Amino acid sequence: MELLLTNLEIRALKETLEAEIADLQMEIAAARDQRVREDMITTKELLLSVLEKLPAPVLEVA
């Protein structure tokens, strides 16, 4: 599957993923339930995988 995104869309998606990953990291650290913690770790790993696959956005020069 191929997904075509504009530079602005790539940047917005990266920022969103990075924020969610950071939030998950804090939630993982605070989680007491092992099952919940494992689920959050799995989600974090999936989001990191998606983030790594995104191309670097090309800087737009006006």
PDB file of N, CA and C in Angstrom:
ATOM      1  N   MET A   1       0.834  -1.171   0.000  1.00  0.00           N
ATOM      2  CA  MET A   1       0.000   0.000   0.000  1.00  0.00           C
ATOM      3  C   MET A   1       0.884   1.242   0.000  1.00  0.00           C
ATOM      4  N   GLU A   2       0.540   2.173  -0.832  1.00  0.00           N
ATOM      5  CA  GLU A   2       1.301   3.415  -0.900  1.00  0.00           C
ATOM      6  C   GLU A   2       0.398   4.564  -0.496  1.00  0.00           C
ATOM      7  N   LEU A   3       0.950   5.461   0.286  1.00  0.00           N
ATOM      8  CA  LEU A   3       0.214   6.615   0.765  1.00  0.00           C
ATOM      9  C   LEU A   3       0.976   7.860   0.350  1.00  0.00           C
ATOM     10  N   LEU A   4       0.338   8.710  -0.417  1.00  0.00           N
ATOM     11  CA  LEU A   4       0.982   9.937  -0.873  1.00  0.00           C
ATOM     12  C   LEU A   4       0.546  11.096   0.020  1.00  0.00           C
ATOM     13  N   LEU A   5       1.529  11.772   0.603  1.00  0.00           N
ATOM     14  CA  LEU A   5       1.260  12.875   1.506  1.00  0.00           C
ATOM     15  C   LEU A   5       2.030  14.111   1.069  1.00  0.00           C
ATOM     16  N   THR A   6       1.450  15.266   1.319  1.00  0.00           N
ATOM     17  CA  THR A   6       2.170  16.507   1.063  1.00  0.00           C
ATOM     18  C   THR A   6       3.183  16.717   2.188  1.00  0.00           C
ATOM     19  N   ASN A   7       4.089  17.659   1.990  1.00  0.00           N
ATOM     20  CA  ASN A   7       5.074  17.966   3.025  1.00  0.00           C
ATOM     21  C   ASN A   7       4.403  18.404   4.327  1.00  0.00           C
ATOM     22  N   LEU A   8       3.355  19.202   4.207  1.00  0.00           N
ATOM     23  CA  LEU A   8       2.643  19.653   5.400  1.00  0.00           C
ATOM     24  C   LEU A   8       1.966  18.483   6.114  1.00  0.00           C
ATOM     25  N   GLU A   9       1.416  17.564   5.355  1.00  0.00           N
ATOM     26  CA  GLU A   9       0.785  16.380   5.949  1.00  0.00           C
ATOM     27  C   GLU A   9       1.818  15.496   6.642  1.00  0.00           C
ATOM     28  N   ILE A  10       2.982  15.336   6.015  1.00  0.00           N
ATOM     29  CA  ILE A  10       4.059  14.538   6.619  1.00  0.00           C
ATOM     30  C   ILE A  10       4.489  15.173   7.930  1.00  0.00           C
ATOM     31  N   ARG A  11       4.703  16.461   7.911  1.00  0.00           N
ATOM     32  CA  ARG A  11       5.135  17.171   9.119  1.00  0.00           C
ATOM     33  C   ARG A  11       4.093  17.040  10.237  1.00  0.00           C
ATOM     34  N   ALA A  12       2.822  17.217   9.896  1.00  0.00           N
ATOM     35  CA  ALA A  12       1.750  17.118  10.886  1.00  0.00           C
ATOM     36  C   ALA A  12       1.654  15.699  11.444  1.00  0.00           C
ATOM     37  N   LEU A  13       1.785  14.710  10.578  1.00  0.00           N
ATOM     38  CA  LEU A  13       1.727  13.321  11.023  1.00  0.00           C
ATOM     39  C   LEU A  13       2.898  12.979  11.934  1.00  0.00           C
ATOM     40  N   LYS A  14       4.087  13.440  11.558  1.00  0.00           N
ATOM     41  CA  LYS A  14       5.269  13.195  12.398  1.00  0.00           C
ATOM     42  C   LYS A  14       5.107  13.841  13.775  1.00  0.00           C
ATOM     43  N   GLU A  15       4.650  15.084  13.798  1.00  0.00           N
ATOM     44  CA  GLU A  15       4.467  15.782  15.070  1.00  0.00           C
ATOM     45  C   GLU A  15       3.435  15.069  15.941  1.00  0.00           C
ATOM     46  N   THR A  16       2.371  14.607  15.320  1.00  0.00           N
ATOM     47  CA  THR A  16       1.327  13.895  16.053  1.00  0.00           C
ATOM     48  C   THR A  16       1.850  12.573  16.614  1.00  0.00           C
ATOM     49  N   LEU A  17       2.568  11.826  15.791  1.00  0.00           N
ATOM     50  CA  LEU A  17       3.135  10.556  16.246  1.00  0.00           C
ATOM     51  C   LEU A  17       4.138  10.771  17.368  1.00  0.00           C
ATOM     52  N   GLU A  18       5.007  11.761  17.227  1.00  0.00           N
ATOM     53  CA  GLU A  18       6.011  12.034  18.262  1.00  0.00           C
ATOM     54  C   GLU A  18       5.353  12.412  19.585  1.00  0.00           C
ATOM     55  N   ALA A  19       4.297  13.208  19.531  1.00  0.00           N
ATOM     56  CA  ALA A  19       3.592  13.602  20.748  1.00  0.00           C
ATOM     57  C   ALA A  19       2.919  12.399  21.396  1.00  0.00           C
ATOM     58  N   GLU A  20       2.301  11.567  20.588  1.00  0.00           N
ATOM     59  CA  GLU A  20       1.626  10.376  21.127  1.00  0.00           C
ATOM     60  C   GLU A  20       2.633   9.402  21.729  1.00  0.00           C
ATOM     61  N   ILE A  21       3.760   9.236  21.076  1.00  0.00           N
ATOM     62  CA  ILE A  21       4.809   8.346  21.593  1.00  0.00           C
ATOM     63  C   ILE A  21       5.327   8.865  22.933  1.00  0.00           C
ATOM     64  N   ALA A  22       5.528  10.168  23.034  1.00  0.00           N
ATOM     65  CA  ALA A  22       5.988  10.759  24.291  1.00  0.00           C
ATOM     66  C   ALA A  22       4.951  10.557  25.396  1.00  0.00           C
ATOM     67  N   ASP A  23       3.675  10.757  25.068  1.00  0.00           N
ATOM     68  CA  ASP A  23       2.604  10.545  26.046  1.00  0.00           C
ATOM     69  C   ASP A  23       2.557   9.081  26.489  1.00  0.00           C
ATOM     70  N   LEU A  24       2.682   8.187  25.536  1.00  0.00           N
ATOM     71  CA  LEU A  24       2.669   6.756  25.860  1.00  0.00           C
ATOM     72  C   LEU A  24       3.822   6.387  26.778  1.00  0.00           C
ATOM     73  N   GLN A  25       4.985   6.969  26.540  1.00  0.00           N
ATOM     74  CA  GLN A  25       6.153   6.671  27.374  1.00  0.00           C
ATOM     75  C   GLN A  25       5.867   7.033  28.835  1.00  0.00           C
ATOM     76  N   MET A  26       5.237   8.173  29.053  1.00  0.00           N
ATOM     77  CA  MET A  26       4.904   8.581  30.421  1.00  0.00           C
ATOM     78  C   MET A  26       3.831   7.662  31.016  1.00  0.00           C
ATOM     79  N   GLU A  27       2.855   7.276  30.209  1.00  0.00           N
ATOM     80  CA  GLU A  27       1.810   6.380  30.688  1.00  0.00           C
ATOM     81  C   GLU A  27       2.373   4.998  31.005  1.00  0.00           C
ATOM     82  N   ILE A  28       3.301   4.534  30.185  1.00  0.00           N
ATOM     83  CA  ILE A  28       3.936   3.232  30.428  1.00  0.00           C
ATOM     84  C   ILE A  28       4.669   3.259  31.759  1.00  0.00           C
ATOM     85  N   ALA A  29       5.389   4.334  32.017  1.00  0.00           N
ATOM     86  CA  ALA A  29       6.145   4.454  33.267  1.00  0.00           C
ATOM     87  C   ALA A  29       5.221   4.458  34.482  1.00  0.00           C
ATOM     88  N   ALA A  30       4.019   4.996  34.329  1.00  0.00           N
ATOM     89  CA  ALA A  30       3.087   5.103  35.452  1.00  0.00           C
ATOM     90  C   ALA A  30       2.158   3.898  35.580  1.00  0.00           C
ATOM     91  N   ALA A  31       2.110   3.046  34.563  1.00  0.00           N
ATOM     92  CA  ALA A  31       1.160   1.927  34.560  1.00  0.00           C
ATOM     93  C   ALA A  31       1.490   0.902  35.637  1.00  0.00           C
ATOM     94  N   ARG A  32       0.464   0.499  36.342  1.00  0.00           N
ATOM     95  CA  ARG A  32       0.642  -0.512  37.385  1.00  0.00           C
ATOM     96  C   ARG A  32       0.233  -1.903  36.888  1.00  0.00           C
ATOM     97  N   ASP A  33      -0.756  -1.940  36.031  1.00  0.00           N
ATOM     98  CA  ASP A  33      -1.253  -3.214  35.500  1.00  0.00           C
ATOM     99  C   ASP A  33      -0.331  -3.702  34.378  1.00  0.00           C
ATOM    100  N   GLN A  34       0.217  -4.883  34.531  1.00  0.00           N
ATOM    101  CA  GLN A  34       1.186  -5.421  33.578  1.00  0.00           C
ATOM    102  C   GLN A  34       0.587  -5.587  32.178  1.00  0.00           C
ATOM    103  N   ARG A  35      -0.655  -6.047  32.096  1.00  0.00           N
ATOM    104  CA  ARG A  35      -1.315  -6.247  30.799  1.00  0.00           C
ATOM    105  C   ARG A  35      -1.493  -4.907  30.064  1.00  0.00           C
ATOM    106  N   VAL A  36      -1.938  -3.911  30.785  1.00  0.00           N
ATOM    107  CA  VAL A  36      -2.118  -2.575  30.203  1.00  0.00           C
ATOM    108  C   VAL A  36      -0.774  -2.028  29.749  1.00  0.00           C
ATOM    109  N   ARG A  37       0.232  -2.215  30.572  1.00  0.00           N
ATOM    110  CA  ARG A  37       1.587  -1.751  30.248  1.00  0.00           C
ATOM    111  C   ARG A  37       2.095  -2.413  28.960  1.00  0.00           C
ATOM    112  N   GLU A  38       1.899  -3.712  28.842  1.00  0.00           N
ATOM    113  CA  GLU A  38       2.333  -4.436  27.641  1.00  0.00           C
ATOM    114  C   GLU A  38       1.595  -3.957  26.399  1.00  0.00           C
ATOM    115  N   ASP A  39       0.301  -3.684  26.544  1.00  0.00           N
ATOM    116  CA  ASP A  39      -0.484  -3.177  25.410  1.00  0.00           C
ATOM    117  C   ASP A  39       0.030  -1.808  24.960  1.00  0.00           C
ATOM    118  N   MET A  40       0.345  -0.956  25.926  1.00  0.00           N
ATOM    119  CA  MET A  40       0.867   0.374  25.587  1.00  0.00           C
ATOM    120  C   MET A  40       2.250   0.277  24.939  1.00  0.00           C
ATOM    121  N   ILE A  41       3.070  -0.647  25.390  1.00  0.00           N
ATOM    122  CA  ILE A  41       4.397  -0.847  24.791  1.00  0.00           C
ATOM    123  C   ILE A  41       4.246  -1.300  23.344  1.00  0.00           C
ATOM    124  N   THR A  42       3.310  -2.220  23.103  1.00  0.00           N
ATOM    125  CA  THR A  42       3.059  -2.691  21.736  1.00  0.00           C
ATOM    126  C   THR A  42       2.601  -1.546  20.844  1.00  0.00           C
ATOM    127  N   THR A  43       1.690  -0.723  21.359  1.00  0.00           N
ATOM    128  CA  THR A  43       1.208   0.433  20.597  1.00  0.00           C
ATOM    129  C   THR A  43       2.351   1.393  20.304  1.00  0.00           C
ATOM    130  N   LYS A  44       3.184   1.653  21.296  1.00  0.00           N
ATOM    131  CA  LYS A  44       4.330   2.548  21.111  1.00  0.00           C
ATOM    132  C   LYS A  44       5.262   2.015  20.022  1.00  0.00           C
ATOM    133  N   GLU A  45       5.534   0.720  20.046  1.00  0.00           N
ATOM    134  CA  GLU A  45       6.408   0.121  19.033  1.00  0.00           C
ATOM    135  C   GLU A  45       5.809   0.246  17.640  1.00  0.00           C
ATOM    136  N   LEU A  46       4.509   0.075  17.524  1.00  0.00           N
ATOM    137  CA  LEU A  46       3.840   0.224  16.222  1.00  0.00           C
ATOM    138  C   LEU A  46       3.944   1.668  15.722  1.00  0.00           C
ATOM    139  N   LEU A  47       3.726   2.626  16.619  1.00  0.00           N
ATOM    140  CA  LEU A  47       3.822   4.036  16.224  1.00  0.00           C
ATOM    141  C   LEU A  47       5.242   4.411  15.830  1.00  0.00           C
ATOM    142  N   LEU A  48       6.221   3.879  16.544  1.00  0.00           N
ATOM    143  CA  LEU A  48       7.623   4.120  16.177  1.00  0.00           C
ATOM    144  C   LEU A  48       7.926   3.543  14.795  1.00  0.00           C
ATOM    145  N   SER A  49       7.372   2.386  14.497  1.00  0.00           N
ATOM    146  CA  SER A  49       7.571   1.760  13.193  1.00  0.00           C
ATOM    147  C   SER A  49       7.010   2.639  12.077  1.00  0.00           C
ATOM    148  N   VAL A  50       5.824   3.176  12.293  1.00  0.00           N
ATOM    149  CA  VAL A  50       5.216   4.063  11.295  1.00  0.00           C
ATOM    150  C   VAL A  50       6.064   5.322  11.139  1.00  0.00           C
ATOM    151  N   LEU A  51       6.494   5.890  12.257  1.00  0.00           N
ATOM    152  CA  LEU A  51       7.298   7.110  12.233  1.00  0.00           C
ATOM    153  C   LEU A  51       8.587   6.904  11.446  1.00  0.00           C
ATOM    154  N   GLU A  52       9.230   5.774  11.632  1.00  0.00           N
ATOM    155  CA  GLU A  52      10.487   5.477  10.929  1.00  0.00           C
ATOM    156  C   GLU A  52      10.293   5.355   9.427  1.00  0.00           C
ATOM    157  N   LYS A  53       9.094   4.999   8.994  1.00  0.00           N
ATOM    158  CA  LYS A  53       8.825   4.804   7.570  1.00  0.00           C
ATOM    159  C   LYS A  53       8.487   6.102   6.838  1.00  0.00           C
ATOM    160  N   LEU A  54       8.195   7.144   7.603  1.00  0.00           N
ATOM    161  CA  LEU A  54       7.844   8.409   6.968  1.00  0.00           C
ATOM    162  C   LEU A  54       9.088   9.089   6.416  1.00  0.00           C
ATOM    163  N   PRO A  55       8.978   9.638   5.219  1.00  0.00           N
ATOM    164  CA  PRO A  55      10.127  10.370   4.664  1.00  0.00           C
ATOM    165  C   PRO A  55      10.290  11.712   5.364  1.00  0.00           C
ATOM    166  N   ALA A  56      11.483  12.239   5.296  1.00  0.00           N
ATOM    167  CA  ALA A  56      11.727  13.574   5.847  1.00  0.00           C
ATOM    168  C   ALA A  56      11.001  14.570   4.932  1.00  0.00           C
ATOM    169  N   PRO A  57      10.246  15.482   5.516  1.00  0.00           N
ATOM    170  CA  PRO A  57       9.567  16.469   4.664  1.00  0.00           C
ATOM    171  C   PRO A  57      10.590  17.405   4.020  1.00  0.00           C
ATOM    172  N   VAL A  58      10.338  17.771   2.795  1.00  0.00           N
ATOM    173  CA  VAL A  58      11.200  18.696   2.083  1.00  0.00           C
ATOM    174  C   VAL A  58      10.876  20.099   2.584  1.00  0.00           C
ATOM    175  N   LEU A  59      11.896  20.844   2.955  1.00  0.00           N
ATOM    176  CA  LEU A  59      11.672  22.205   3.410  1.00  0.00           C
ATOM    177  C   LEU A  59      11.207  23.061   2.234  1.00  0.00           C
ATOM    178  N   GLU A  60      10.109  23.741   2.467  1.00  0.00           N
ATOM    179  CA  GLU A  60       9.569  24.577   1.408  1.00  0.00           C
ATOM    180  C   GLU A  60      10.180  25.970   1.516  1.00  0.00           C
ATOM    181  N   VAL A  61      10.721  26.446   0.426  1.00  0.00           N
ATOM    182  CA  VAL A  61      11.336  27.779   0.399  1.00  0.00           C
ATOM    183  C   VAL A  61      10.410  28.697  -0.378  1.00  0.00           C
ATOM    184  N   ALA A  62      10.022  29.798   0.256  1.00  0.00           N
ATOM    185  CA  ALA A  62       9.081  30.724  -0.395  1.00  0.00           C
ATOM    186  C   ALA A  62       9.832  31.785  -1.168  1.00  0.00           C
TER     187      ALA A  62
END
